[in-house]
Amino acid sequence: MTTTRLTDRKRSAIVQAAIAEFRANGFDATSMDRVAATAGVSKRTVYNHFPSKDDLFAQILEELWDCTAATAPASYCADRPLRGQLMDLLRQKMGLLRDPYFLDLARVAIAEAIHTPERARSMVAKLSQKEEGAAALLRAAQADGKLKPGDPAFMANVLQGQLKTFAFWPQVAMGQPALDAAQEAAIVETAIDMFLCYWGK
């Protein structure tokens, strides 16, 4: 049991070290030696967990996916006001966007995707599947007569994209601080008001 926990701790330390090194130096300039030194483990230990640097990067992408998958899927409830359901959806999304670990993973993944798009293509596809949860809620609201016709996937991107404009891209790309609670609330409420003004019935 103790050995298992130690192994898990070493694996976690390696992943954290890789995130730090990839962020600081990029994928190509990061060596397994640097990752081992930053993690405080031997190079052999790194290779025991991850046979290659590509495997290590794949683990980071998998953890990015796990962060998004951990949020509960949105489901439409005909008995509740739509605005309240959209509020729950965007508050949950905002919670993910403020998570420092998620942002660190996203920075690494995005930086590498710019240089080597094929390395992150599968993860982008997975994240797109996650966005489908919001589209399903909007599709159900349309069927219930609460929203005007339109492409639910496009509508979901418009709705959630407004959050990313203020609470994701400035933090990931420009190092700006996280929003405070009042700013988050204002963005969520404004995004929903604009969305319902255009698509609400």
N, C-alpha and C. Protein backbone atom coordinates (compact mmCIF):
# COMPACT_ATOMS: atom_id res chain seq x y z
N MET A 1 0.83 -1.20 0.00
CA MET A 1 0.00 0.00 0.00
C MET A 1 0.87 1.26 0.00
N THR A 2 1.88 1.27 0.88
CA THR A 2 2.78 2.41 0.97
C THR A 2 3.56 2.58 -0.33
N THR A 3 4.00 1.44 -0.90
CA THR A 3 4.74 1.47 -2.16
C THR A 3 3.88 2.05 -3.27
N THR A 4 2.61 1.66 -3.29
CA THR A 4 1.69 2.18 -4.31
C THR A 4 1.53 3.69 -4.19
N ARG A 5 1.36 4.17 -2.95
CA ARG A 5 1.21 5.60 -2.75
C ARG A 5 2.47 6.35 -3.16
N LEU A 6 3.63 5.79 -2.85
CA LEU A 6 4.89 6.43 -3.23
C LEU A 6 5.01 6.49 -4.76
N THR A 7 4.64 5.40 -5.41
CA THR A 7 4.67 5.37 -6.87
C THR A 7 3.74 6.41 -7.46
N ASP A 8 2.55 6.53 -6.89
CA ASP A 8 1.59 7.54 -7.37
C ASP A 8 2.13 8.95 -7.15
N ARG A 9 2.78 9.16 -6.00
CA ARG A 9 3.34 10.48 -5.73
C ARG A 9 4.45 10.83 -6.72
N LYS A 10 5.28 9.85 -7.03
CA LYS A 10 6.36 10.09 -7.99
C LYS A 10 5.79 10.38 -9.37
N ARG A 11 4.77 9.63 -9.75
CA ARG A 11 4.14 9.86 -11.07
C ARG A 11 3.56 11.27 -11.13
N SER A 12 2.88 11.67 -10.05
CA SER A 12 2.29 13.00 -10.00
C SER A 12 3.38 14.07 -10.06
N ALA A 13 4.49 13.85 -9.36
CA ALA A 13 5.60 14.81 -9.36
C ALA A 13 6.19 14.94 -10.76
N ILE A 14 6.26 13.84 -11.48
CA ILE A 14 6.80 13.86 -12.85
C ILE A 14 5.89 14.68 -13.75
N VAL A 15 4.60 14.47 -13.63
CA VAL A 15 3.64 15.21 -14.46
C VAL A 15 3.72 16.70 -14.15
N GLN A 16 3.77 17.05 -12.85
CA GLN A 16 3.87 18.46 -12.47
C GLN A 16 5.16 19.08 -13.00
N ALA A 17 6.24 18.33 -12.92
CA ALA A 17 7.52 18.83 -13.43
C ALA A 17 7.46 19.03 -14.94
N ALA A 18 6.83 18.10 -15.63
CA ALA A 18 6.71 18.23 -17.09
C ALA A 18 5.90 19.46 -17.46
N ILE A 19 4.81 19.71 -16.73
CA ILE A 19 3.99 20.90 -17.00
C ILE A 19 4.84 22.16 -16.84
N ALA A 20 5.62 22.21 -15.76
CA ALA A 20 6.47 23.38 -15.51
C ALA A 20 7.52 23.55 -16.60
N GLU A 21 8.16 22.45 -17.00
CA GLU A 21 9.21 22.52 -18.01
C GLU A 21 8.65 22.85 -19.39
N PHE A 22 7.53 22.22 -19.75
CA PHE A 22 6.92 22.51 -21.05
C PHE A 22 6.48 23.97 -21.12
N ARG A 23 5.96 24.49 -20.01
CA ARG A 23 5.53 25.89 -19.99
C ARG A 23 6.73 26.82 -20.15
N ALA A 24 7.82 26.49 -19.45
CA ALA A 24 8.99 27.38 -19.45
C ALA A 24 9.80 27.29 -20.74
N ASN A 25 9.89 26.08 -21.30
CA ASN A 25 10.84 25.87 -22.40
C ASN A 25 10.24 25.34 -23.69
N GLY A 26 8.97 24.93 -23.65
CA GLY A 26 8.37 24.33 -24.83
C GLY A 26 8.67 22.84 -24.90
N PHE A 27 7.94 22.16 -25.74
CA PHE A 27 8.06 20.71 -25.84
C PHE A 27 9.44 20.29 -26.35
N ASP A 28 9.86 20.87 -27.48
CA ASP A 28 11.11 20.43 -28.11
C ASP A 28 12.33 20.66 -27.24
N ALA A 29 12.35 21.78 -26.49
CA ALA A 29 13.53 22.12 -25.69
C ALA A 29 13.54 21.41 -24.34
N THR A 30 12.47 20.75 -23.98
CA THR A 30 12.41 20.05 -22.70
C THR A 30 12.93 18.63 -22.86
N SER A 31 13.86 18.26 -22.00
CA SER A 31 14.41 16.90 -22.03
C SER A 31 13.88 16.11 -20.84
N MET A 32 13.93 14.80 -20.97
CA MET A 32 13.52 13.94 -19.87
C MET A 32 14.46 14.13 -18.67
N ASP A 33 15.72 14.50 -18.94
CA ASP A 33 16.67 14.79 -17.85
C ASP A 33 16.17 15.98 -17.02
N ARG A 34 15.70 17.03 -17.72
CA ARG A 34 15.20 18.21 -17.00
C ARG A 34 13.96 17.88 -16.19
N VAL A 35 13.08 17.08 -16.78
CA VAL A 35 11.87 16.69 -16.07
C VAL A 35 12.23 15.90 -14.82
N ALA A 36 13.17 14.98 -14.95
CA ALA A 36 13.60 14.17 -13.80
C ALA A 36 14.18 15.05 -12.71
N ALA A 37 15.04 16.00 -13.10
CA ALA A 37 15.66 16.88 -12.11
C ALA A 37 14.63 17.74 -11.40
N THR A 38 13.67 18.28 -12.16
CA THR A 38 12.64 19.12 -11.56
C THR A 38 11.74 18.31 -10.64
N ALA A 39 11.48 17.06 -11.01
CA ALA A 39 10.61 16.20 -10.20
C ALA A 39 11.33 15.62 -8.99
N GLY A 40 12.66 15.68 -9.00
CA GLY A 40 13.43 15.11 -7.90
C GLY A 40 13.46 13.59 -7.92
N VAL A 41 13.44 13.02 -9.13
CA VAL A 41 13.50 11.57 -9.28
C VAL A 41 14.58 11.25 -10.31
N SER A 42 14.89 9.98 -10.41
CA SER A 42 15.89 9.57 -11.40
C SER A 42 15.28 9.54 -12.80
N LYS A 43 16.16 9.64 -13.79
CA LYS A 43 15.70 9.56 -15.18
C LYS A 43 15.06 8.19 -15.44
N ARG A 44 15.59 7.16 -14.81
CA ARG A 44 15.03 5.83 -14.96
C ARG A 44 13.59 5.77 -14.44
N THR A 45 13.33 6.47 -13.33
CA THR A 45 11.97 6.51 -12.78
C THR A 45 11.01 7.18 -13.76
N VAL A 46 11.49 8.26 -14.40
CA VAL A 46 10.65 8.94 -15.38
C VAL A 46 10.28 7.97 -16.50
N TYR A 47 11.29 7.25 -17.01
CA TYR A 47 11.04 6.33 -18.13
C TYR A 47 10.21 5.12 -17.70
N ASN A 48 10.26 4.77 -16.43
CA ASN A 48 9.42 3.67 -15.95
C ASN A 48 7.94 4.05 -16.03
N HIS A 49 7.66 5.32 -15.82
CA HIS A 49 6.27 5.79 -15.88
C HIS A 49 5.86 6.21 -17.29
N PHE A 50 6.80 6.83 -17.99
CA PHE A 50 6.49 7.36 -19.33
C PHE A 50 7.64 7.00 -20.28
N PRO A 51 7.42 6.04 -21.17
CA PRO A 51 8.48 5.57 -22.07
C PRO A 51 9.07 6.64 -22.99
N SER A 52 8.31 7.71 -23.24
CA SER A 52 8.82 8.76 -24.12
C SER A 52 8.24 10.11 -23.71
N LYS A 53 8.81 11.16 -24.28
CA LYS A 53 8.30 12.51 -24.01
C LYS A 53 6.90 12.66 -24.58
N ASP A 54 6.63 12.01 -25.69
CA ASP A 54 5.28 12.05 -26.27
C ASP A 54 4.26 11.43 -25.32
N ASP A 55 4.65 10.35 -24.65
CA ASP A 55 3.74 9.72 -23.68
C ASP A 55 3.47 10.66 -22.51
N LEU A 56 4.49 11.38 -22.11
CA LEU A 56 4.34 12.35 -21.01
C LEU A 56 3.40 13.48 -21.42
N PHE A 57 3.57 13.97 -22.64
CA PHE A 57 2.68 15.03 -23.12
C PHE A 57 1.25 14.51 -23.26
N ALA A 58 1.10 13.27 -23.71
CA ALA A 58 -0.24 12.67 -23.83
C ALA A 58 -0.92 12.59 -22.48
N GLN A 59 -0.13 12.34 -21.41
CA GLN A 59 -0.70 12.30 -20.07
C GLN A 59 -1.22 13.68 -19.66
N ILE A 60 -0.49 14.73 -20.03
CA ILE A 60 -0.94 16.09 -19.72
C ILE A 60 -2.26 16.38 -20.43
N LEU A 61 -2.36 15.98 -21.70
CA LEU A 61 -3.60 16.17 -22.43
C LEU A 61 -4.74 15.37 -21.80
N GLU A 62 -4.42 14.17 -21.32
CA GLU A 62 -5.44 13.33 -20.69
C GLU A 62 -5.94 14.00 -19.40
N GLU A 63 -5.04 14.60 -18.65
CA GLU A 63 -5.44 15.28 -17.42
C GLU A 63 -6.27 16.52 -17.72
N LEU A 64 -5.96 17.19 -18.84
CA LEU A 64 -6.77 18.32 -19.27
C LEU A 64 -8.20 17.85 -19.57
N TRP A 65 -8.29 16.72 -20.24
CA TRP A 65 -9.61 16.15 -20.53
C TRP A 65 -10.32 15.75 -19.24
N ASP A 66 -9.59 15.16 -18.30
CA ASP A 66 -10.20 14.74 -17.03
C ASP A 66 -10.78 15.93 -16.27
N CYS A 67 -10.08 17.08 -16.34
CA CYS A 67 -10.59 18.28 -15.67
C CYS A 67 -11.95 18.67 -16.21
N THR A 68 -12.10 18.62 -17.53
CA THR A 68 -13.38 19.01 -18.13
C THR A 68 -14.43 17.93 -17.92
N ALA A 69 -14.01 16.67 -17.97
CA ALA A 69 -14.96 15.57 -17.83
C ALA A 69 -15.50 15.48 -16.41
N ALA A 70 -14.77 16.03 -15.43
CA ALA A 70 -15.20 15.94 -14.03
C ALA A 70 -16.44 16.78 -13.75
N THR A 71 -16.72 17.76 -14.61
CA THR A 71 -17.91 18.58 -14.41
C THR A 71 -19.14 17.79 -14.83
N ALA A 72 -20.22 17.95 -14.08
CA ALA A 72 -21.43 17.18 -14.34
C ALA A 72 -22.04 17.59 -15.68
N PRO A 73 -22.53 16.63 -16.47
CA PRO A 73 -23.14 16.99 -17.75
C PRO A 73 -24.42 17.79 -17.54
N ALA A 74 -24.64 18.75 -18.42
CA ALA A 74 -25.84 19.57 -18.32
C ALA A 74 -27.03 18.80 -18.89
N SER A 75 -28.16 18.88 -18.23
CA SER A 75 -29.38 18.25 -18.75
C SER A 75 -30.55 19.20 -18.55
N TYR A 76 -31.40 19.27 -19.55
CA TYR A 76 -32.51 20.22 -19.53
C TYR A 76 -33.64 19.72 -18.64
N CYS A 77 -34.26 20.65 -17.92
CA CYS A 77 -35.40 20.33 -17.07
C CYS A 77 -36.56 21.25 -17.45
N ALA A 78 -37.60 20.67 -18.01
CA ALA A 78 -38.73 21.46 -18.49
C ALA A 78 -39.45 22.20 -17.37
N ASP A 79 -39.32 21.73 -16.14
CA ASP A 79 -40.02 22.35 -15.00
C ASP A 79 -39.29 23.55 -14.42
N ARG A 80 -38.07 23.82 -14.89
CA ARG A 80 -37.30 24.94 -14.35
C ARG A 80 -37.19 26.05 -15.37
N PRO A 81 -37.15 27.32 -14.93
CA PRO A 81 -36.92 28.42 -15.87
C PRO A 81 -35.59 28.23 -16.60
N LEU A 82 -35.60 28.52 -17.90
CA LEU A 82 -34.41 28.30 -18.71
C LEU A 82 -33.25 29.18 -18.23
N ARG A 83 -33.54 30.41 -17.84
CA ARG A 83 -32.46 31.31 -17.41
C ARG A 83 -31.69 30.72 -16.24
N GLY A 84 -32.39 30.13 -15.29
CA GLY A 84 -31.71 29.50 -14.15
C GLY A 84 -30.83 28.34 -14.58
N GLN A 85 -31.28 27.58 -15.56
CA GLN A 85 -30.47 26.45 -16.05
C GLN A 85 -29.23 26.94 -16.78
N LEU A 86 -29.39 28.00 -17.55
CA LEU A 86 -28.22 28.58 -18.23
C LEU A 86 -27.25 29.17 -17.21
N MET A 87 -27.79 29.73 -16.14
CA MET A 87 -26.95 30.27 -15.07
C MET A 87 -26.11 29.16 -14.44
N ASP A 88 -26.73 28.02 -14.16
CA ASP A 88 -26.00 26.88 -13.59
C ASP A 88 -24.91 26.42 -14.54
N LEU A 89 -25.25 26.34 -15.83
CA LEU A 89 -24.29 25.88 -16.85
C LEU A 89 -23.07 26.78 -16.90
N LEU A 90 -23.29 28.09 -16.95
CA LEU A 90 -22.17 29.02 -17.09
C LEU A 90 -21.38 29.19 -15.79
N ARG A 91 -22.05 29.06 -14.66
CA ARG A 91 -21.30 29.11 -13.39
C ARG A 91 -20.37 27.91 -13.28
N GLN A 92 -20.85 26.75 -13.71
CA GLN A 92 -20.01 25.56 -13.70
C GLN A 92 -18.82 25.74 -14.64
N LYS A 93 -19.09 26.29 -15.81
CA LYS A 93 -18.03 26.54 -16.78
C LYS A 93 -17.02 27.55 -16.21
N MET A 94 -17.51 28.57 -15.56
CA MET A 94 -16.63 29.59 -14.97
C MET A 94 -15.75 28.97 -13.88
N GLY A 95 -16.31 28.04 -13.12
CA GLY A 95 -15.53 27.36 -12.09
C GLY A 95 -14.34 26.62 -12.68
N LEU A 96 -14.54 25.99 -13.83
CA LEU A 96 -13.45 25.29 -14.51
C LEU A 96 -12.41 26.29 -15.02
N LEU A 97 -12.88 27.38 -15.60
CA LEU A 97 -11.96 28.36 -16.19
C LEU A 97 -11.11 29.08 -15.15
N ARG A 98 -11.56 29.09 -13.89
CA ARG A 98 -10.73 29.74 -12.86
C ARG A 98 -9.79 28.77 -12.17
N ASP A 99 -9.88 27.49 -12.48
CA ASP A 99 -9.05 26.49 -11.81
C ASP A 99 -7.59 26.61 -12.27
N PRO A 100 -6.65 26.92 -11.37
CA PRO A 100 -5.25 27.14 -11.78
C PRO A 100 -4.62 25.93 -12.47
N TYR A 101 -4.97 24.73 -12.01
CA TYR A 101 -4.38 23.53 -12.63
C TYR A 101 -4.88 23.37 -14.06
N PHE A 102 -6.18 23.58 -14.26
CA PHE A 102 -6.74 23.52 -15.61
C PHE A 102 -6.05 24.53 -16.53
N LEU A 103 -5.84 25.75 -16.03
CA LEU A 103 -5.21 26.78 -16.85
C LEU A 103 -3.77 26.42 -17.19
N ASP A 104 -3.05 25.83 -16.23
CA ASP A 104 -1.68 25.39 -16.51
C ASP A 104 -1.65 24.33 -17.61
N LEU A 105 -2.54 23.36 -17.49
CA LEU A 105 -2.62 22.31 -18.51
C LEU A 105 -2.97 22.91 -19.87
N ALA A 106 -3.91 23.84 -19.87
CA ALA A 106 -4.34 24.46 -21.12
C ALA A 106 -3.20 25.23 -21.77
N ARG A 107 -2.40 25.95 -20.97
CA ARG A 107 -1.27 26.70 -21.52
C ARG A 107 -0.29 25.78 -22.23
N VAL A 108 0.01 24.65 -21.61
CA VAL A 108 0.95 23.70 -22.21
C VAL A 108 0.36 23.13 -23.50
N ALA A 109 -0.88 22.71 -23.44
CA ALA A 109 -1.51 22.09 -24.60
C ALA A 109 -1.63 23.07 -25.76
N ILE A 110 -2.04 24.30 -25.47
CA ILE A 110 -2.23 25.28 -26.54
C ILE A 110 -0.90 25.67 -27.17
N ALA A 111 0.11 25.87 -26.32
CA ALA A 111 1.42 26.24 -26.86
C ALA A 111 1.95 25.18 -27.80
N GLU A 112 1.80 23.92 -27.44
CA GLU A 112 2.29 22.84 -28.29
C GLU A 112 1.43 22.66 -29.52
N ALA A 113 0.12 22.88 -29.37
CA ALA A 113 -0.79 22.75 -30.51
C ALA A 113 -0.46 23.76 -31.60
N ILE A 114 0.02 24.92 -31.20
CA ILE A 114 0.40 25.94 -32.18
C ILE A 114 1.57 25.46 -33.02
N HIS A 115 2.55 24.81 -32.35
CA HIS A 115 3.75 24.36 -33.06
C HIS A 115 3.55 23.01 -33.75
N THR A 116 2.79 22.13 -33.12
CA THR A 116 2.59 20.78 -33.68
C THR A 116 1.12 20.42 -33.55
N PRO A 117 0.28 20.90 -34.45
CA PRO A 117 -1.17 20.70 -34.33
C PRO A 117 -1.59 19.24 -34.21
N GLU A 118 -0.89 18.35 -34.92
CA GLU A 118 -1.33 16.95 -34.91
C GLU A 118 -1.18 16.31 -33.53
N ARG A 119 -0.28 16.84 -32.70
CA ARG A 119 -0.07 16.26 -31.38
C ARG A 119 -1.28 16.47 -30.48
N ALA A 120 -1.99 17.56 -30.67
CA ALA A 120 -3.12 17.89 -29.80
C ALA A 120 -4.48 17.71 -30.48
N ARG A 121 -4.47 17.19 -31.72
CA ARG A 121 -5.72 17.10 -32.48
C ARG A 121 -6.76 16.23 -31.79
N SER A 122 -6.32 15.09 -31.25
CA SER A 122 -7.28 14.19 -30.61
C SER A 122 -7.90 14.83 -29.38
N MET A 123 -7.10 15.62 -28.65
CA MET A 123 -7.64 16.27 -27.46
C MET A 123 -8.66 17.34 -27.84
N VAL A 124 -8.40 18.07 -28.91
CA VAL A 124 -9.36 19.08 -29.36
C VAL A 124 -10.68 18.40 -29.71
N ALA A 125 -10.60 17.23 -30.33
CA ALA A 125 -11.81 16.49 -30.68
C ALA A 125 -12.57 16.08 -29.42
N LYS A 126 -11.83 15.64 -28.40
CA LYS A 126 -12.47 15.24 -27.14
C LYS A 126 -13.14 16.43 -26.47
N LEU A 127 -12.46 17.56 -26.44
CA LEU A 127 -13.02 18.75 -25.81
C LEU A 127 -14.26 19.23 -26.55
N SER A 128 -14.28 19.03 -27.86
CA SER A 128 -15.47 19.39 -28.63
C SER A 128 -16.65 18.51 -28.24
N GLN A 129 -16.37 17.24 -27.93
CA GLN A 129 -17.43 16.35 -27.46
C GLN A 129 -18.00 16.86 -26.14
N LYS A 130 -17.13 17.38 -25.29
CA LYS A 130 -17.59 17.90 -24.00
C LYS A 130 -18.51 19.09 -24.20
N GLU A 131 -18.21 19.95 -25.17
CA GLU A 131 -19.05 21.10 -25.44
C GLU A 131 -20.45 20.67 -25.90
N GLU A 132 -20.57 19.44 -26.41
CA GLU A 132 -21.85 18.95 -26.89
C GLU A 132 -22.89 18.90 -25.78
N GLY A 133 -22.46 18.79 -24.53
CA GLY A 133 -23.40 18.77 -23.41
C GLY A 133 -24.24 20.03 -23.35
N ALA A 134 -23.62 21.18 -23.57
CA ALA A 134 -24.36 22.45 -23.58
C ALA A 134 -25.29 22.50 -24.78
N ALA A 135 -24.82 22.00 -25.92
CA ALA A 135 -25.66 21.99 -27.12
C ALA A 135 -26.89 21.12 -26.91
N ALA A 136 -26.73 20.01 -26.20
CA ALA A 136 -27.87 19.12 -25.94
C ALA A 136 -28.92 19.82 -25.09
N LEU A 137 -28.47 20.59 -24.11
CA LEU A 137 -29.41 21.34 -23.27
C LEU A 137 -30.18 22.35 -24.12
N LEU A 138 -29.48 23.06 -24.99
CA LEU A 138 -30.14 24.06 -25.83
C LEU A 138 -31.09 23.40 -26.83
N ARG A 139 -30.69 22.25 -27.36
CA ARG A 139 -31.55 21.51 -28.29
C ARG A 139 -32.86 21.11 -27.60
N ALA A 140 -32.75 20.65 -26.36
CA ALA A 140 -33.94 20.26 -25.61
C ALA A 140 -34.82 21.48 -25.31
N ALA A 141 -34.20 22.63 -25.02
CA ALA A 141 -34.97 23.84 -24.78
C ALA A 141 -35.69 24.30 -26.05
N GLN A 142 -35.06 24.10 -27.20
CA GLN A 142 -35.73 24.40 -28.46
C GLN A 142 -36.96 23.50 -28.65
N ALA A 143 -36.78 22.21 -28.39
CA ALA A 143 -37.89 21.27 -28.54
C ALA A 143 -39.04 21.60 -27.60
N ASP A 144 -38.70 22.22 -26.47
CA ASP A 144 -39.71 22.60 -25.47
C ASP A 144 -40.32 23.97 -25.78
N GLY A 145 -39.89 24.58 -26.87
CA GLY A 145 -40.45 25.86 -27.27
C GLY A 145 -39.90 27.06 -26.53
N LYS A 146 -38.76 26.90 -25.84
CA LYS A 146 -38.19 28.00 -25.06
C LYS A 146 -37.14 28.81 -25.83
N LEU A 147 -36.64 28.25 -26.92
CA LEU A 147 -35.64 28.95 -27.73
C LEU A 147 -36.04 28.92 -29.19
N LYS A 148 -35.62 29.94 -29.94
CA LYS A 148 -35.87 30.00 -31.37
C LYS A 148 -35.02 28.94 -32.09
N PRO A 149 -35.39 28.59 -33.32
CA PRO A 149 -34.59 27.63 -34.09
C PRO A 149 -33.18 28.15 -34.33
N GLY A 150 -32.27 27.22 -34.46
CA GLY A 150 -30.87 27.55 -34.72
C GLY A 150 -30.02 26.32 -34.49
N ASP A 151 -28.76 26.37 -34.90
CA ASP A 151 -27.84 25.26 -34.69
C ASP A 151 -27.40 25.26 -33.23
N PRO A 152 -27.79 24.24 -32.45
CA PRO A 152 -27.46 24.24 -31.02
C PRO A 152 -25.96 24.29 -30.73
N ALA A 153 -25.15 23.65 -31.59
CA ALA A 153 -23.70 23.67 -31.36
C ALA A 153 -23.16 25.10 -31.53
N PHE A 154 -23.63 25.79 -32.57
CA PHE A 154 -23.22 27.18 -32.78
C PHE A 154 -23.69 28.06 -31.63
N MET A 155 -24.92 27.85 -31.20
CA MET A 155 -25.49 28.64 -30.10
C MET A 155 -24.70 28.42 -28.81
N ALA A 156 -24.31 27.17 -28.55
CA ALA A 156 -23.53 26.86 -27.34
C ALA A 156 -22.17 27.54 -27.38
N ASN A 157 -21.55 27.57 -28.57
CA ASN A 157 -20.25 28.23 -28.70
C ASN A 157 -20.37 29.73 -28.48
N VAL A 158 -21.44 30.33 -28.98
CA VAL A 158 -21.65 31.76 -28.78
C VAL A 158 -21.84 32.05 -27.29
N LEU A 159 -22.66 31.23 -26.63
CA LEU A 159 -22.94 31.45 -25.21
C LEU A 159 -21.69 31.28 -24.35
N GLN A 160 -20.98 30.18 -24.53
CA GLN A 160 -19.82 29.89 -23.68
C GLN A 160 -18.58 30.66 -24.11
N GLY A 161 -18.53 31.02 -25.38
CA GLY A 161 -17.37 31.75 -25.88
C GLY A 161 -17.20 33.11 -25.22
N GLN A 162 -18.30 33.70 -24.78
CA GLN A 162 -18.20 35.01 -24.11
C GLN A 162 -17.46 34.89 -22.79
N LEU A 163 -17.60 33.75 -22.11
CA LEU A 163 -16.86 33.54 -20.87
C LEU A 163 -15.36 33.44 -21.16
N LYS A 164 -15.02 32.69 -22.21
CA LYS A 164 -13.61 32.48 -22.53
C LYS A 164 -12.93 33.79 -22.94
N THR A 165 -13.70 34.70 -23.51
CA THR A 165 -13.13 35.99 -23.92
C THR A 165 -12.56 36.75 -22.73
N PHE A 166 -13.22 36.62 -21.58
CA PHE A 166 -12.81 37.38 -20.39
C PHE A 166 -12.09 36.52 -19.35
N ALA A 167 -12.42 35.24 -19.27
CA ALA A 167 -11.95 34.41 -18.15
C ALA A 167 -11.07 33.25 -18.57
N PHE A 168 -10.59 33.24 -19.81
CA PHE A 168 -9.70 32.15 -20.24
C PHE A 168 -8.54 32.70 -21.07
N TRP A 169 -8.85 33.28 -22.22
CA TRP A 169 -7.77 33.70 -23.11
C TRP A 169 -6.87 34.78 -22.52
N PRO A 170 -7.39 35.79 -21.82
CA PRO A 170 -6.47 36.78 -21.22
C PRO A 170 -5.54 36.14 -20.19
N GLN A 171 -6.04 35.17 -19.43
CA GLN A 171 -5.23 34.51 -18.39
C GLN A 171 -4.21 33.55 -19.01
N VAL A 172 -4.63 32.81 -20.03
CA VAL A 172 -3.75 31.82 -20.66
C VAL A 172 -2.71 32.48 -21.55
N ALA A 173 -3.15 33.43 -22.36
CA ALA A 173 -2.26 34.00 -23.36
C ALA A 173 -1.47 35.21 -22.87
N MET A 174 -2.02 35.96 -21.92
CA MET A 174 -1.37 37.21 -21.51
C MET A 174 -1.05 37.29 -20.02
N GLY A 175 -1.29 36.20 -19.30
CA GLY A 175 -0.94 36.16 -17.89
C GLY A 175 -1.74 37.09 -17.00
N GLN A 176 -2.92 37.50 -17.44
CA GLN A 176 -3.73 38.39 -16.62
C GLN A 176 -4.30 37.65 -15.42
N PRO A 177 -4.57 38.36 -14.32
CA PRO A 177 -5.09 37.69 -13.12
C PRO A 177 -6.50 37.16 -13.33
N ALA A 178 -6.87 36.22 -12.49
CA ALA A 178 -8.23 35.68 -12.54
C ALA A 178 -9.23 36.77 -12.18
N LEU A 179 -10.44 36.62 -12.67
CA LEU A 179 -11.49 37.58 -12.35
C LEU A 179 -11.94 37.42 -10.91
N ASP A 180 -12.46 38.49 -10.33
CA ASP A 180 -13.04 38.35 -8.99
C ASP A 180 -14.51 37.92 -9.12
N ALA A 181 -15.14 37.63 -8.01
CA ALA A 181 -16.49 37.08 -8.02
C ALA A 181 -17.49 38.03 -8.69
N ALA A 182 -17.36 39.32 -8.44
CA ALA A 182 -18.28 40.29 -9.03
C ALA A 182 -18.12 40.35 -10.54
N GLN A 183 -16.88 40.30 -11.02
CA GLN A 183 -16.64 40.30 -12.47
C GLN A 183 -17.21 39.05 -13.12
N GLU A 184 -16.99 37.90 -12.48
CA GLU A 184 -17.52 36.65 -13.02
C GLU A 184 -19.04 36.70 -13.12
N ALA A 185 -19.69 37.17 -12.05
CA ALA A 185 -21.14 37.23 -12.03
C ALA A 185 -21.67 38.15 -13.13
N ALA A 186 -21.01 39.29 -13.32
CA ALA A 186 -21.45 40.24 -14.34
C ALA A 186 -21.33 39.64 -15.74
N ILE A 187 -20.25 38.91 -16.00
CA ILE A 187 -20.05 38.31 -17.31
C ILE A 187 -21.07 37.21 -17.56
N VAL A 188 -21.31 36.37 -16.58
CA VAL A 188 -22.28 35.29 -16.73
C VAL A 188 -23.67 35.86 -16.99
N GLU A 189 -24.09 36.83 -16.20
CA GLU A 189 -25.43 37.39 -16.35
C GLU A 189 -25.58 38.12 -17.68
N THR A 190 -24.56 38.86 -18.08
CA THR A 190 -24.63 39.58 -19.35
C THR A 190 -24.69 38.61 -20.53
N ALA A 191 -23.86 37.56 -20.47
CA ALA A 191 -23.86 36.56 -21.55
C ALA A 191 -25.23 35.92 -21.70
N ILE A 192 -25.86 35.59 -20.59
CA ILE A 192 -27.18 34.95 -20.64
C ILE A 192 -28.24 35.93 -21.14
N ASP A 193 -28.19 37.17 -20.65
CA ASP A 193 -29.17 38.17 -21.08
C ASP A 193 -29.07 38.41 -22.59
N MET A 194 -27.85 38.52 -23.11
CA MET A 194 -27.67 38.73 -24.54
C MET A 194 -28.15 37.52 -25.33
N PHE A 195 -27.84 36.33 -24.83
CA PHE A 195 -28.24 35.10 -25.52
C PHE A 195 -29.75 34.99 -25.59
N LEU A 196 -30.43 35.23 -24.48
CA LEU A 196 -31.89 35.10 -24.44
C LEU A 196 -32.57 36.23 -25.21
N CYS A 197 -31.93 37.38 -25.25
CA CYS A 197 -32.47 38.48 -26.03
C CYS A 197 -32.52 38.12 -27.52
N TYR A 198 -31.54 37.36 -27.97
CA TYR A 198 -31.46 37.00 -29.38
C TYR A 198 -32.23 35.71 -29.69
N TRP A 199 -32.04 34.68 -28.85
CA TRP A 199 -32.63 33.37 -29.16
C TRP A 199 -33.84 32.99 -28.29
N GLY A 200 -34.08 33.74 -27.22
CA GLY A 200 -35.20 33.38 -26.34
C GLY A 200 -36.55 33.63 -26.98
N LYS A 201 -37.55 32.93 -26.51
CA LYS A 201 -38.92 33.09 -27.01
C LYS A 201 -39.83 33.54 -25.87
